[in-house]
Amino acid sequence: MCDRSYPKKLAFQYLEDLKTEFERVNGSQIETAARPYAFIKFDTFIQKTKKLYQDTRTQRNVAKLNDELYEVHQIMTRNVQEVLGVGEKLDQVSQMSSRLTSESRIYADKARDLNRQVSVLRFSR
């Protein structure tokens, strides 16, 4: 359909524009089409749109690519922020685990001391 060097995003945008316009103009007639060339008049729109998309350096096409690039940039930024957020949460969990381990040792030491005190009290009676 196009050269390998042609930007894929523009090629898909071209097809999307054709689809949108075809459905807008002929949407109600699609089911009732009986002859093979029922929509031949749509070819004028196809040719006009094709000319718009042929030069990838036009301001219109560059703007479309920039919009797409901006969307990808936004998605990647969100993904990086989510990964950083997960990393921060893992650090918090690690710190909480360390504190819990430390407090468990303190609890075990105190429990041992209390058991000794109870044993001494029982023995001295």
PDB file of N, CA and C in Angstrom:
ATOM      1  N   MET A   1       0.814  -1.191   0.000  1.00  0.00           N
ATOM      2  CA  MET A   1       0.000   0.000   0.000  1.00  0.00           C
ATOM      3  C   MET A   1       0.862   1.262   0.000  1.00  0.00           C
ATOM      4  N   CYS A   2       2.019   1.186   0.671  1.00  0.00           N
ATOM      5  CA  CYS A   2       2.929   2.335   0.683  1.00  0.00           C
ATOM      6  C   CYS A   2       4.362   1.830   0.830  1.00  0.00           C
ATOM      7  N   ASP A   3       5.313   2.751   0.634  1.00  0.00           N
ATOM      8  CA  ASP A   3       6.725   2.385   0.779  1.00  0.00           C
ATOM      9  C   ASP A   3       7.041   2.018   2.218  1.00  0.00           C
ATOM     10  N   ARG A   4       8.071   1.210   2.392  1.00  0.00           N
ATOM     11  CA  ARG A   4       8.501   0.822   3.745  1.00  0.00           C
ATOM     12  C   ARG A   4       8.918   2.033   4.568  1.00  0.00           C
ATOM     13  N   SER A   5       9.451   3.036   3.910  1.00  0.00           N
ATOM     14  CA  SER A   5       9.952   4.212   4.621  1.00  0.00           C
ATOM     15  C   SER A   5       8.828   5.151   5.071  1.00  0.00           C
ATOM     16  N   TYR A   6       7.631   4.931   4.568  1.00  0.00           N
ATOM     17  CA  TYR A   6       6.498   5.794   4.939  1.00  0.00           C
ATOM     18  C   TYR A   6       6.119   5.516   6.398  1.00  0.00           C
ATOM     19  N   PRO A   7       5.915   6.561   7.196  1.00  0.00           N
ATOM     20  CA  PRO A   7       5.580   6.344   8.619  1.00  0.00           C
ATOM     21  C   PRO A   7       4.291   5.531   8.798  1.00  0.00           C
ATOM     22  N   LYS A   8       4.379   4.485   9.584  1.00  0.00           N
ATOM     23  CA  LYS A   8       3.225   3.606   9.815  1.00  0.00           C
ATOM     24  C   LYS A   8       2.047   4.363  10.416  1.00  0.00           C
ATOM     25  N   LYS A   9       2.364   5.285  11.321  1.00  0.00           N
ATOM     26  CA  LYS A   9       1.298   6.045  11.980  1.00  0.00           C
ATOM     27  C   LYS A   9       0.488   6.836  10.962  1.00  0.00           C
ATOM     28  N   LEU A  10       1.177   7.429   9.977  1.00  0.00           N
ATOM     29  CA  LEU A  10       0.454   8.183   8.953  1.00  0.00           C
ATOM     30  C   LEU A  10      -0.365   7.256   8.067  1.00  0.00           C
ATOM     31  N   ALA A  11       0.180   6.101   7.757  1.00  0.00           N
ATOM     32  CA  ALA A  11      -0.561   5.146   6.924  1.00  0.00           C
ATOM     33  C   ALA A  11      -1.849   4.722   7.622  1.00  0.00           C
ATOM     34  N   PHE A  12      -1.754   4.439   8.922  1.00  0.00           N
ATOM     35  CA  PHE A  12      -2.953   4.038   9.654  1.00  0.00           C
ATOM     36  C   PHE A  12      -3.913   5.209   9.833  1.00  0.00           C
ATOM     37  N   GLN A  13      -3.373   6.414   9.976  1.00  0.00           N
ATOM     38  CA  GLN A  13      -4.240   7.588  10.084  1.00  0.00           C
ATOM     39  C   GLN A  13      -4.992   7.816   8.773  1.00  0.00           C
ATOM     40  N   TYR A  14      -4.309   7.595   7.651  1.00  0.00           N
ATOM     41  CA  TYR A  14      -4.943   7.698   6.337  1.00  0.00           C
ATOM     42  C   TYR A  14      -6.120   6.727   6.244  1.00  0.00           C
ATOM     43  N   LEU A  15      -5.884   5.489   6.618  1.00  0.00           N
ATOM     44  CA  LEU A  15      -6.961   4.497   6.583  1.00  0.00           C
ATOM     45  C   LEU A  15      -8.100   4.865   7.535  1.00  0.00           C
ATOM     46  N   GLU A  16      -7.750   5.380   8.693  1.00  0.00           N
ATOM     47  CA  GLU A  16      -8.772   5.792   9.665  1.00  0.00           C
ATOM     48  C   GLU A  16      -9.606   6.939   9.119  1.00  0.00           C
ATOM     49  N   ASP A  17      -8.958   7.894   8.454  1.00  0.00           N
ATOM     50  CA  ASP A  17      -9.702   9.005   7.842  1.00  0.00           C
ATOM     51  C   ASP A  17     -10.652   8.498   6.774  1.00  0.00           C
ATOM     52  N   LEU A  18     -10.182   7.560   5.952  1.00  0.00           N
ATOM     53  CA  LEU A  18     -11.049   6.979   4.916  1.00  0.00           C
ATOM     54  C   LEU A  18     -12.242   6.270   5.540  1.00  0.00           C
ATOM     55  N   LYS A  19     -11.991   5.473   6.542  1.00  0.00           N
ATOM     56  CA  LYS A  19     -13.057   4.726   7.216  1.00  0.00           C
ATOM     57  C   LYS A  19     -14.096   5.669   7.815  1.00  0.00           C
ATOM     58  N   THR A  20     -13.613   6.688   8.516  1.00  0.00           N
ATOM     59  CA  THR A  20     -14.524   7.629   9.175  1.00  0.00           C
ATOM     60  C   THR A  20     -15.409   8.337   8.156  1.00  0.00           C
ATOM     61  N   GLU A  21     -14.790   8.828   7.089  1.00  0.00           N
ATOM     62  CA  GLU A  21     -15.564   9.540   6.065  1.00  0.00           C
ATOM     63  C   GLU A  21     -16.517   8.595   5.342  1.00  0.00           C
ATOM     64  N   PHE A  22     -16.058   7.381   5.038  1.00  0.00           N
ATOM     65  CA  PHE A  22     -16.929   6.422   4.351  1.00  0.00           C
ATOM     66  C   PHE A  22     -18.153   6.107   5.200  1.00  0.00           C
ATOM     67  N   GLU A  23     -17.942   5.864   6.483  1.00  0.00           N
ATOM     68  CA  GLU A  23     -19.075   5.573   7.365  1.00  0.00           C
ATOM     69  C   GLU A  23     -19.993   6.774   7.509  1.00  0.00           C
ATOM     70  N   ARG A  24     -19.426   7.972   7.535  1.00  0.00           N
ATOM     71  CA  ARG A  24     -20.241   9.182   7.655  1.00  0.00           C
ATOM     72  C   ARG A  24     -21.119   9.378   6.421  1.00  0.00           C
ATOM     73  N   VAL A  25     -20.515   9.190   5.246  1.00  0.00           N
ATOM     74  CA  VAL A  25     -21.235   9.441   3.992  1.00  0.00           C
ATOM     75  C   VAL A  25     -22.121   8.262   3.589  1.00  0.00           C
ATOM     76  N   ASN A  26     -21.630   7.059   3.743  1.00  0.00           N
ATOM     77  CA  ASN A  26     -22.327   5.875   3.209  1.00  0.00           C
ATOM     78  C   ASN A  26     -22.806   4.889   4.261  1.00  0.00           C
ATOM     79  N   GLY A  27     -22.686   5.221   5.513  1.00  0.00           N
ATOM     80  CA  GLY A  27     -22.994   4.279   6.584  1.00  0.00           C
ATOM     81  C   GLY A  27     -24.348   3.614   6.477  1.00  0.00           C
ATOM     82  N   SER A  28     -25.360   4.372   6.135  1.00  0.00           N
ATOM     83  CA  SER A  28     -26.714   3.800   6.082  1.00  0.00           C
ATOM     84  C   SER A  28     -26.945   2.957   4.835  1.00  0.00           C
ATOM     85  N   GLN A  29     -26.067   3.087   3.842  1.00  0.00           N
ATOM     86  CA  GLN A  29     -26.258   2.376   2.579  1.00  0.00           C
ATOM     87  C   GLN A  29     -25.435   1.094   2.466  1.00  0.00           C
ATOM     88  N   ILE A  30     -24.569   0.853   3.398  1.00  0.00           N
ATOM     89  CA  ILE A  30     -23.652  -0.289   3.298  1.00  0.00           C
ATOM     90  C   ILE A  30     -24.411  -1.611   3.205  1.00  0.00           C
ATOM     91  N   GLU A  31     -25.376  -1.814   4.059  1.00  0.00           N
ATOM     92  CA  GLU A  31     -26.129  -3.088   4.090  1.00  0.00           C
ATOM     93  C   GLU A  31     -26.958  -3.301   2.826  1.00  0.00           C
ATOM     94  N   THR A  32     -27.348  -2.224   2.167  1.00  0.00           N
ATOM     95  CA  THR A  32     -28.237  -2.357   1.001  1.00  0.00           C
ATOM     96  C   THR A  32     -27.503  -2.344  -0.327  1.00  0.00           C
ATOM     97  N   ALA A  33     -26.196  -2.272  -0.329  1.00  0.00           N
ATOM     98  CA  ALA A  33     -25.427  -2.235  -1.583  1.00  0.00           C
ATOM     99  C   ALA A  33     -25.605  -3.540  -2.335  1.00  0.00           C
ATOM    100  N   ALA A  34     -26.036  -3.428  -3.595  1.00  0.00           N
ATOM    101  CA  ALA A  34     -26.314  -4.625  -4.384  1.00  0.00           C
ATOM    102  C   ALA A  34     -25.320  -4.800  -5.525  1.00  0.00           C
ATOM    103  N   ARG A  35     -24.692  -3.734  -5.960  1.00  0.00           N
ATOM    104  CA  ARG A  35     -23.763  -3.847  -7.089  1.00  0.00           C
ATOM    105  C   ARG A  35     -22.334  -3.608  -6.612  1.00  0.00           C
ATOM    106  N   PRO A  36     -21.361  -4.165  -7.298  1.00  0.00           N
ATOM    107  CA  PRO A  36     -19.967  -4.090  -6.855  1.00  0.00           C
ATOM    108  C   PRO A  36     -19.412  -2.660  -6.735  1.00  0.00           C
ATOM    109  N   TYR A  37     -19.878  -1.767  -7.592  1.00  0.00           N
ATOM    110  CA  TYR A  37     -19.312  -0.419  -7.596  1.00  0.00           C
ATOM    111  C   TYR A  37     -20.306   0.609  -7.052  1.00  0.00           C
ATOM    112  N   ALA A  38     -21.060   0.242  -6.057  1.00  0.00           N
ATOM    113  CA  ALA A  38     -22.082   1.124  -5.506  1.00  0.00           C
ATOM    114  C   ALA A  38     -21.495   2.388  -4.887  1.00  0.00           C
ATOM    115  N   PHE A  39     -20.268   2.331  -4.478  1.00  0.00           N
ATOM    116  CA  PHE A  39     -19.663   3.471  -3.784  1.00  0.00           C
ATOM    117  C   PHE A  39     -18.527   4.094  -4.599  1.00  0.00           C
ATOM    118  N   ILE A  40     -18.609   4.010  -5.929  1.00  0.00           N
ATOM    119  CA  ILE A  40     -17.548   4.507  -6.796  1.00  0.00           C
ATOM    120  C   ILE A  40     -17.323   6.002  -6.619  1.00  0.00           C
ATOM    121  N   LYS A  41     -18.352   6.728  -6.232  1.00  0.00           N
ATOM    122  CA  LYS A  41     -18.211   8.175  -6.030  1.00  0.00           C
ATOM    123  C   LYS A  41     -17.253   8.497  -4.882  1.00  0.00           C
ATOM    124  N   PHE A  42     -17.067   7.535  -3.998  1.00  0.00           N
ATOM    125  CA  PHE A  42     -16.181   7.755  -2.857  1.00  0.00           C
ATOM    126  C   PHE A  42     -14.722   7.843  -3.300  1.00  0.00           C
ATOM    127  N   ASP A  43     -14.429   7.380  -4.507  1.00  0.00           N
ATOM    128  CA  ASP A  43     -13.058   7.413  -5.009  1.00  0.00           C
ATOM    129  C   ASP A  43     -12.493   8.828  -5.059  1.00  0.00           C
ATOM    130  N   THR A  44     -13.317   9.816  -5.312  1.00  0.00           N
ATOM    131  CA  THR A  44     -12.820  11.199  -5.342  1.00  0.00           C
ATOM    132  C   THR A  44     -12.275  11.598  -3.964  1.00  0.00           C
ATOM    133  N   PHE A  45     -12.957  11.191  -2.912  1.00  0.00           N
ATOM    134  CA  PHE A  45     -12.458  11.484  -1.566  1.00  0.00           C
ATOM    135  C   PHE A  45     -11.152  10.730  -1.304  1.00  0.00           C
ATOM    136  N   ILE A  46     -11.096   9.494  -1.750  1.00  0.00           N
ATOM    137  CA  ILE A  46      -9.883   8.690  -1.568  1.00  0.00           C
ATOM    138  C   ILE A  46      -8.699   9.371  -2.251  1.00  0.00           C
ATOM    139  N   GLN A  47      -8.867   9.804  -3.483  1.00  0.00           N
ATOM    140  CA  GLN A  47      -7.774  10.429  -4.228  1.00  0.00           C
ATOM    141  C   GLN A  47      -7.355  11.760  -3.597  1.00  0.00           C
ATOM    142  N   LYS A  48      -8.324  12.548  -3.168  1.00  0.00           N
ATOM    143  CA  LYS A  48      -8.021  13.829  -2.538  1.00  0.00           C
ATOM    144  C   LYS A  48      -7.249  13.615  -1.227  1.00  0.00           C
ATOM    145  N   THR A  49      -7.687  12.647  -0.444  1.00  0.00           N
ATOM    146  CA  THR A  49      -7.030  12.357   0.832  1.00  0.00           C
ATOM    147  C   THR A  49      -5.651  11.764   0.599  1.00  0.00           C
ATOM    148  N   LYS A  50      -5.524  10.958  -0.418  1.00  0.00           N
ATOM    149  CA  LYS A  50      -4.230  10.353  -0.758  1.00  0.00           C
ATOM    150  C   LYS A  50      -3.191  11.444  -1.040  1.00  0.00           C
ATOM    151  N   LYS A  51      -3.596  12.476  -1.762  1.00  0.00           N
ATOM    152  CA  LYS A  51      -2.680  13.583  -2.057  1.00  0.00           C
ATOM    153  C   LYS A  51      -2.240  14.285  -0.783  1.00  0.00           C
ATOM    154  N   LEU A  52      -3.149  14.408   0.168  1.00  0.00           N
ATOM    155  CA  LEU A  52      -2.809  15.059   1.435  1.00  0.00           C
ATOM    156  C   LEU A  52      -1.744  14.274   2.201  1.00  0.00           C
ATOM    157  N   TYR A  53      -1.800  12.965   2.073  1.00  0.00           N
ATOM    158  CA  TYR A  53      -0.895  12.099   2.839  1.00  0.00           C
ATOM    159  C   TYR A  53       0.391  11.739   2.105  1.00  0.00           C
ATOM    160  N   GLN A  54       0.507  12.056   0.819  1.00  0.00           N
ATOM    161  CA  GLN A  54       1.682  11.628   0.061  1.00  0.00           C
ATOM    162  C   GLN A  54       2.979  12.248   0.570  1.00  0.00           C
ATOM    163  N   ASP A  55       2.985  13.527   0.855  1.00  0.00           N
ATOM    164  CA  ASP A  55       4.207  14.178   1.337  1.00  0.00           C
ATOM    165  C   ASP A  55       4.198  14.167   2.853  1.00  0.00           C
ATOM    166  N   THR A  56       5.084  13.373   3.430  1.00  0.00           N
ATOM    167  CA  THR A  56       5.103  13.227   4.896  1.00  0.00           C
ATOM    168  C   THR A  56       5.636  14.475   5.588  1.00  0.00           C
ATOM    169  N   ARG A  57       6.213  15.394   4.823  1.00  0.00           N
ATOM    170  CA  ARG A  57       6.803  16.583   5.431  1.00  0.00           C
ATOM    171  C   ARG A  57       5.851  17.771   5.495  1.00  0.00           C
ATOM    172  N   THR A  58       4.630  17.611   5.015  1.00  0.00           N
ATOM    173  CA  THR A  58       3.688  18.732   5.100  1.00  0.00           C
ATOM    174  C   THR A  58       3.386  19.018   6.564  1.00  0.00           C
ATOM    175  N   GLN A  59       3.024  20.253   6.827  1.00  0.00           N
ATOM    176  CA  GLN A  59       2.753  20.674   8.201  1.00  0.00           C
ATOM    177  C   GLN A  59       1.658  19.810   8.829  1.00  0.00           C
ATOM    178  N   ARG A  60       0.649  19.492   8.066  1.00  0.00           N
ATOM    179  CA  ARG A  60      -0.471  18.679   8.558  1.00  0.00           C
ATOM    180  C   ARG A  60       0.005  17.302   9.004  1.00  0.00           C
ATOM    181  N   ASN A  61       0.823  16.664   8.179  1.00  0.00           N
ATOM    182  CA  ASN A  61       1.295  15.311   8.501  1.00  0.00           C
ATOM    183  C   ASN A  61       2.319  15.322   9.626  1.00  0.00           C
ATOM    184  N   VAL A  62       3.174  16.325   9.644  1.00  0.00           N
ATOM    185  CA  VAL A  62       4.140  16.446  10.736  1.00  0.00           C
ATOM    186  C   VAL A  62       3.392  16.659  12.051  1.00  0.00           C
ATOM    187  N   ALA A  63       2.340  17.463  12.004  1.00  0.00           N
ATOM    188  CA  ALA A  63       1.539  17.700  13.216  1.00  0.00           C
ATOM    189  C   ALA A  63       0.901  16.398  13.706  1.00  0.00           C
ATOM    190  N   LYS A  64       0.393  15.599  12.777  1.00  0.00           N
ATOM    191  CA  LYS A  64      -0.205  14.306  13.167  1.00  0.00           C
ATOM    192  C   LYS A  64       0.841  13.401  13.820  1.00  0.00           C
ATOM    193  N   LEU A  65       2.037  13.359  13.236  1.00  0.00           N
ATOM    194  CA  LEU A  65       3.102  12.539  13.812  1.00  0.00           C
ATOM    195  C   LEU A  65       3.526  13.073  15.177  1.00  0.00           C
ATOM    196  N   ASN A  66       3.603  14.380  15.300  1.00  0.00           N
ATOM    197  CA  ASN A  66       3.970  14.973  16.587  1.00  0.00           C
ATOM    198  C   ASN A  66       2.919  14.686  17.647  1.00  0.00           C
ATOM    199  N   ASP A  67       1.645  14.736  17.256  1.00  0.00           N
ATOM    200  CA  ASP A  67       0.580  14.397  18.206  1.00  0.00           C
ATOM    201  C   ASP A  67       0.720  12.962  18.682  1.00  0.00           C
ATOM    202  N   GLU A  68       0.986  12.073  17.751  1.00  0.00           N
ATOM    203  CA  GLU A  68       1.157  10.658  18.094  1.00  0.00           C
ATOM    204  C   GLU A  68       2.376  10.474  18.996  1.00  0.00           C
ATOM    205  N   LEU A  69       3.456  11.166  18.663  1.00  0.00           N
ATOM    206  CA  LEU A  69       4.669  11.095  19.470  1.00  0.00           C
ATOM    207  C   LEU A  69       4.425  11.628  20.874  1.00  0.00           C
ATOM    208  N   TYR A  70       3.656  12.697  20.969  1.00  0.00           N
ATOM    209  CA  TYR A  70       3.327  13.263  22.280  1.00  0.00           C
ATOM    210  C   TYR A  70       2.527  12.264  23.115  1.00  0.00           C
ATOM    211  N   GLU A  71       1.566  11.591  22.483  1.00  0.00           N
ATOM    212  CA  GLU A  71       0.770  10.590  23.195  1.00  0.00           C
ATOM    213  C   GLU A  71       1.657   9.457  23.701  1.00  0.00           C
ATOM    214  N   VAL A  72       2.577   8.987  22.870  1.00  0.00           N
ATOM    215  CA  VAL A  72       3.492   7.916  23.278  1.00  0.00           C
ATOM    216  C   VAL A  72       4.369   8.406  24.425  1.00  0.00           C
ATOM    217  N   HIS A  73       4.828   9.651  24.332  1.00  0.00           N
ATOM    218  CA  HIS A  73       5.654  10.239  25.384  1.00  0.00           C
ATOM    219  C   HIS A  73       4.880  10.286  26.708  1.00  0.00           C
ATOM    220  N   GLN A  74       3.619  10.677  26.653  1.00  0.00           N
ATOM    221  CA  GLN A  74       2.785  10.734  27.858  1.00  0.00           C
ATOM    222  C   GLN A  74       2.627   9.348  28.475  1.00  0.00           C
ATOM    223  N   ILE A  75       2.387   8.352  27.646  1.00  0.00           N
ATOM    224  CA  ILE A  75       2.212   6.977  28.131  1.00  0.00           C
ATOM    225  C   ILE A  75       3.508   6.481  28.772  1.00  0.00           C
ATOM    226  N   MET A  76       4.624   6.740  28.121  1.00  0.00           N
ATOM    227  CA  MET A  76       5.913   6.297  28.667  1.00  0.00           C
ATOM    228  C   MET A  76       6.217   7.018  29.987  1.00  0.00           C
ATOM    229  N   THR A  77       5.889   8.299  30.067  1.00  0.00           N
ATOM    230  CA  THR A  77       6.109   9.046  31.304  1.00  0.00           C
ATOM    231  C   THR A  77       5.288   8.451  32.432  1.00  0.00           C
ATOM    232  N   ARG A  78       4.025   8.139  32.147  1.00  0.00           N
ATOM    233  CA  ARG A  78       3.168   7.504  33.162  1.00  0.00           C
ATOM    234  C   ARG A  78       3.731   6.160  33.595  1.00  0.00           C
ATOM    235  N   ASN A  79       4.205   5.375  32.629  1.00  0.00           N
ATOM    236  CA  ASN A  79       4.769   4.060  32.955  1.00  0.00           C
ATOM    237  C   ASN A  79       5.994   4.190  33.848  1.00  0.00           C
ATOM    238  N   VAL A  80       6.876   5.139  33.536  1.00  0.00           N
ATOM    239  CA  VAL A  80       8.074   5.344  34.352  1.00  0.00           C
ATOM    240  C   VAL A  80       7.678   5.791  35.753  1.00  0.00           C
ATOM    241  N   GLN A  81       6.691   6.688  35.838  1.00  0.00           N
ATOM    242  CA  GLN A  81       6.241   7.146  37.157  1.00  0.00           C
ATOM    243  C   GLN A  81       5.653   5.999  37.969  1.00  0.00           C
ATOM    244  N   GLU A  82       4.916   5.113  37.308  1.00  0.00           N
ATOM    245  CA  GLU A  82       4.354   3.959  38.008  1.00  0.00           C
ATOM    246  C   GLU A  82       5.456   3.031  38.506  1.00  0.00           C
ATOM    247  N   VAL A  83       6.468   2.816  37.672  1.00  0.00           N
ATOM    248  CA  VAL A  83       7.595   1.955  38.082  1.00  0.00           C
ATOM    249  C   VAL A  83       8.312   2.575  39.270  1.00  0.00           C
ATOM    250  N   LEU A  84       8.534   3.888  39.222  1.00  0.00           N
ATOM    251  CA  LEU A  84       9.185   4.561  40.348  1.00  0.00           C
ATOM    252  C   LEU A  84       8.327   4.457  41.605  1.00  0.00           C
ATOM    253  N   GLY A  85       7.019   4.586  41.440  1.00  0.00           N
ATOM    254  CA  GLY A  85       6.108   4.453  42.575  1.00  0.00           C
ATOM    255  C   GLY A  85       6.172   3.072  43.185  1.00  0.00           C
ATOM    256  N   VAL A  86       6.253   2.046  42.335  1.00  0.00           N
ATOM    257  CA  VAL A  86       6.376   0.671  42.827  1.00  0.00           C
ATOM    258  C   VAL A  86       7.696   0.512  43.571  1.00  0.00           C
ATOM    259  N   GLY A  87       8.766   1.120  43.040  1.00  0.00           N
ATOM    260  CA  GLY A  87      10.068   1.048  43.700  1.00  0.00           C
ATOM    261  C   GLY A  87      10.022   1.694  45.072  1.00  0.00           C
ATOM    262  N   GLU A  88       9.363   2.842  45.174  1.00  0.00           N
ATOM    263  CA  GLU A  88       9.225   3.520  46.470  1.00  0.00           C
ATOM    264  C   GLU A  88       8.433   2.656  47.444  1.00  0.00           C
ATOM    265  N   LYS A  89       7.373   2.034  46.959  1.00  0.00           N
ATOM    266  CA  LYS A  89       6.567   1.172  47.825  1.00  0.00           C
ATOM    267  C   LYS A  89       7.380  -0.031  48.294  1.00  0.00           C
ATOM    268  N   LEU A  90       8.199  -0.581  47.394  1.00  0.00           N
ATOM    269  CA  LEU A  90       9.043  -1.712  47.796  1.00  0.00           C
ATOM    270  C   LEU A  90      10.047  -1.281  48.860  1.00  0.00           C
ATOM    271  N   ASP A  91      10.587  -0.068  48.720  1.00  0.00           N
ATOM    272  CA  ASP A  91      11.502   0.451  49.746  1.00  0.00           C
ATOM    273  C   ASP A  91      10.779   0.584  51.080  1.00  0.00           C
ATOM    274  N   GLN A  92       9.548   1.084  51.050  1.00  0.00           N
ATOM    275  CA  GLN A  92       8.767   1.233  52.280  1.00  0.00           C
ATOM    276  C   GLN A  92       8.506  -0.124  52.920  1.00  0.00           C
ATOM    277  N   VAL A  93       8.138  -1.102  52.113  1.00  0.00           N
ATOM    278  CA  VAL A  93       7.882  -2.448  52.627  1.00  0.00           C
ATOM    279  C   VAL A  93       9.152  -3.023  53.229  1.00  0.00           C
ATOM    280  N   SER A  94      10.285  -2.801  52.571  1.00  0.00           N
ATOM    281  CA  SER A  94      11.562  -3.290  53.084  1.00  0.00           C
ATOM    282  C   SER A  94      11.885  -2.648  54.433  1.00  0.00           C
ATOM    283  N   GLN A  95      11.658  -1.341  54.544  1.00  0.00           N
ATOM    284  CA  GLN A  95      11.908  -0.650  55.815  1.00  0.00           C
ATOM    285  C   GLN A  95      10.981  -1.166  56.912  1.00  0.00           C
ATOM    286  N   MET A  96       9.701  -1.363  56.563  1.00  0.00           N
ATOM    287  CA  MET A  96       8.752  -1.885  57.539  1.00  0.00           C
ATOM    288  C   MET A  96       9.154  -3.287  57.976  1.00  0.00           C
ATOM    289  N   SER A  97       9.630  -4.096  57.052  1.00  0.00           N
ATOM    290  CA  SER A  97      10.066  -5.449  57.375  1.00  0.00           C
ATOM    291  C   SER A  97      11.268  -5.413  58.317  1.00  0.00           C
ATOM    292  N   SER A  98      12.195  -4.512  58.056  1.00  0.00           N
ATOM    293  CA  SER A  98      13.372  -4.387  58.933  1.00  0.00           C
ATOM    294  C   SER A  98      12.955  -3.962  60.334  1.00  0.00           C
ATOM    295  N   ARG A  99      12.035  -2.987  60.402  1.00  0.00           N
ATOM    296  CA  ARG A  99      11.548  -2.546  61.711  1.00  0.00           C
ATOM    297  C   ARG A  99      10.836  -3.670  62.446  1.00  0.00           C
ATOM    298  N   LEU A 100      10.034  -4.431  61.719  1.00  0.00           N
ATOM    299  CA  LEU A 100       9.301  -5.537  62.325  1.00  0.00           C
ATOM    300  C   LEU A 100      10.270  -6.597  62.860  1.00  0.00           C
ATOM    301  N   THR A 101      11.319  -6.890  62.087  1.00  0.00           N
ATOM    302  CA  THR A 101      12.325  -7.855  62.540  1.00  0.00           C
ATOM    303  C   THR A 101      13.003  -7.364  63.809  1.00  0.00           C
ATOM    304  N   SER A 102      13.370  -6.093  63.821  1.00  0.00           N
ATOM    305  CA  SER A 102      14.030  -5.509  64.989  1.00  0.00           C
ATOM    306  C   SER A 102      13.103  -5.526  66.209  1.00  0.00           C
ATOM    307  N   GLU A 103      11.857  -5.134  66.011  1.00  0.00           N
ATOM    308  CA  GLU A 103      10.902  -5.115  67.123  1.00  0.00           C
ATOM    309  C   GLU A 103      10.580  -6.525  67.602  1.00  0.00           C
ATOM    310  N   SER A 104      10.603  -7.495  66.696  1.00  0.00           N
ATOM    311  CA  SER A 104      10.376  -8.893  67.085  1.00  0.00           C
ATOM    312  C   SER A 104      11.499  -9.382  67.990  1.00  0.00           C
ATOM    313  N   ARG A 105      12.722  -9.006  67.675  1.00  0.00           N
ATOM    314  CA  ARG A 105      13.859  -9.388  68.515  1.00  0.00           C
ATOM    315  C   ARG A 105      13.722  -8.763  69.907  1.00  0.00           C
ATOM    316  N   ILE A 106      13.343  -7.480  69.949  1.00  0.00           N
ATOM    317  CA  ILE A 106      13.156  -6.798  71.237  1.00  0.00           C
ATOM    318  C   ILE A 106      12.054  -7.498  72.031  1.00  0.00           C
ATOM    319  N   TYR A 107      10.952  -7.858  71.366  1.00  0.00           N
ATOM    320  CA  TYR A 107       9.841  -8.548  72.023  1.00  0.00           C
ATOM    321  C   TYR A 107      10.309  -9.898  72.573  1.00  0.00           C
ATOM    322  N   ALA A 108      11.071 -10.616  71.753  1.00  0.00           N
ATOM    323  CA  ALA A 108      11.559 -11.931  72.191  1.00  0.00           C
ATOM    324  C   ALA A 108      12.478 -11.790  73.408  1.00  0.00           C
ATOM    325  N   ASP A 109      13.352 -10.778  73.390  1.00  0.00           N
ATOM    326  CA  ASP A 109      14.240 -10.550  74.532  1.00  0.00           C
ATOM    327  C   ASP A 109      13.430 -10.210  75.785  1.00  0.00           C
ATOM    328  N   LYS A 110      12.448  -9.349  75.654  1.00  0.00           N
ATOM    329  CA  LYS A 110      11.625  -8.964  76.816  1.00  0.00           C
ATOM    330  C   LYS A 110      10.816 -10.154  77.336  1.00  0.00           C
ATOM    331  N   ALA A 111      10.296 -10.958  76.415  1.00  0.00           N
ATOM    332  CA  ALA A 111       9.532 -12.140  76.822  1.00  0.00           C
ATOM    333  C   ALA A 111      10.426 -13.112  77.584  1.00  0.00           C
ATOM    334  N   ARG A 112      11.661 -13.284  77.120  1.00  0.00           N
ATOM    335  CA  ARG A 112      12.612 -14.156  77.801  1.00  0.00           C
ATOM    336  C   ARG A 112      12.912 -13.629  79.210  1.00  0.00           C
ATOM    337  N   ASP A 113      13.120 -12.294  79.311  1.00  0.00           N
ATOM    338  CA  ASP A 113      13.381 -11.684  80.626  1.00  0.00           C
ATOM    339  C   ASP A 113      12.193 -11.884  81.574  1.00  0.00           C
ATOM    340  N   LEU A 114      10.986 -11.677  81.050  1.00  0.00           N
ATOM    341  CA  LEU A 114       9.783 -11.860  81.887  1.00  0.00           C
ATOM    342  C   LEU A 114       9.646 -13.306  82.339  1.00  0.00           C
ATOM    343  N   ASN A 115       9.924 -14.247  81.452  1.00  0.00           N
ATOM    344  CA  ASN A 115       9.862 -15.659  81.821  1.00  0.00           C
ATOM    345  C   ASN A 115      10.882 -15.985  82.921  1.00  0.00           C
ATOM    346  N   ARG A 116      12.059 -15.395  82.822  1.00  0.00           N
ATOM    347  CA  ARG A 116      13.064 -15.601  83.868  1.00  0.00           C
ATOM    348  C   ARG A 116      12.582 -15.023  85.202  1.00  0.00           C
ATOM    349  N   GLN A 117      12.000 -13.820  85.154  1.00  0.00           N
ATOM    350  CA  GLN A 117      11.517 -13.184  86.376  1.00  0.00           C
ATOM    351  C   GLN A 117      10.390 -14.028  86.997  1.00  0.00           C
ATOM    352  N   VAL A 118       9.502 -14.545  86.167  1.00  0.00           N
ATOM    353  CA  VAL A 118       8.419 -15.386  86.673  1.00  0.00           C
ATOM    354  C   VAL A 118       9.012 -16.661  87.278  1.00  0.00           C
ATOM    355  N   SER A 119      10.014 -17.240  86.604  1.00  0.00           N
ATOM    356  CA  SER A 119      10.643 -18.453  87.130  1.00  0.00           C
ATOM    357  C   SER A 119      11.317 -18.186  88.447  1.00  0.00           C
ATOM    358  N   VAL A 120      11.993 -17.045  88.588  1.00  0.00           N
ATOM    359  CA  VAL A 120      12.663 -16.697  89.836  1.00  0.00           C
ATOM    360  C   VAL A 120      11.622 -16.507  90.939  1.00  0.00           C
ATOM    361  N   LEU A 121      10.514 -15.846  90.627  1.00  0.00           N
ATOM    362  CA  LEU A 121       9.458 -15.637  91.615  1.00  0.00           C
ATOM    363  C   LEU A 121       8.853 -16.978  92.057  1.00  0.00           C
ATOM    364  N   ARG A 122       8.633 -17.887  91.149  1.00  0.00           N
ATOM    365  CA  ARG A 122       8.058 -19.193  91.481  1.00  0.00           C
ATOM    366  C   ARG A 122       9.045 -19.999  92.331  1.00  0.00           C
ATOM    367  N   PHE A 123      10.298 -19.939  91.964  1.00  0.00           N
ATOM    368  CA  PHE A 123      11.316 -20.695  92.670  1.00  0.00           C
ATOM    369  C   PHE A 123      11.541 -20.153  94.087  1.00  0.00           C
ATOM    370  N   SER A 124      11.420 -18.834  94.258  1.00  0.00           N
ATOM    371  CA  SER A 124      11.666 -18.247  95.558  1.00  0.00           C
ATOM    372  C   SER A 124      10.490 -18.443  96.508  1.00  0.00           C
ATOM    373  N   ARG A 125       9.386 -18.861  96.079  1.00  0.00           N
ATOM    374  CA  ARG A 125       8.223 -19.087  96.954  1.00  0.00           C
ATOM    375  C   ARG A 125       8.343 -20.339  97.661  1.00  0.00           C
TER     376      ARG A 125
END
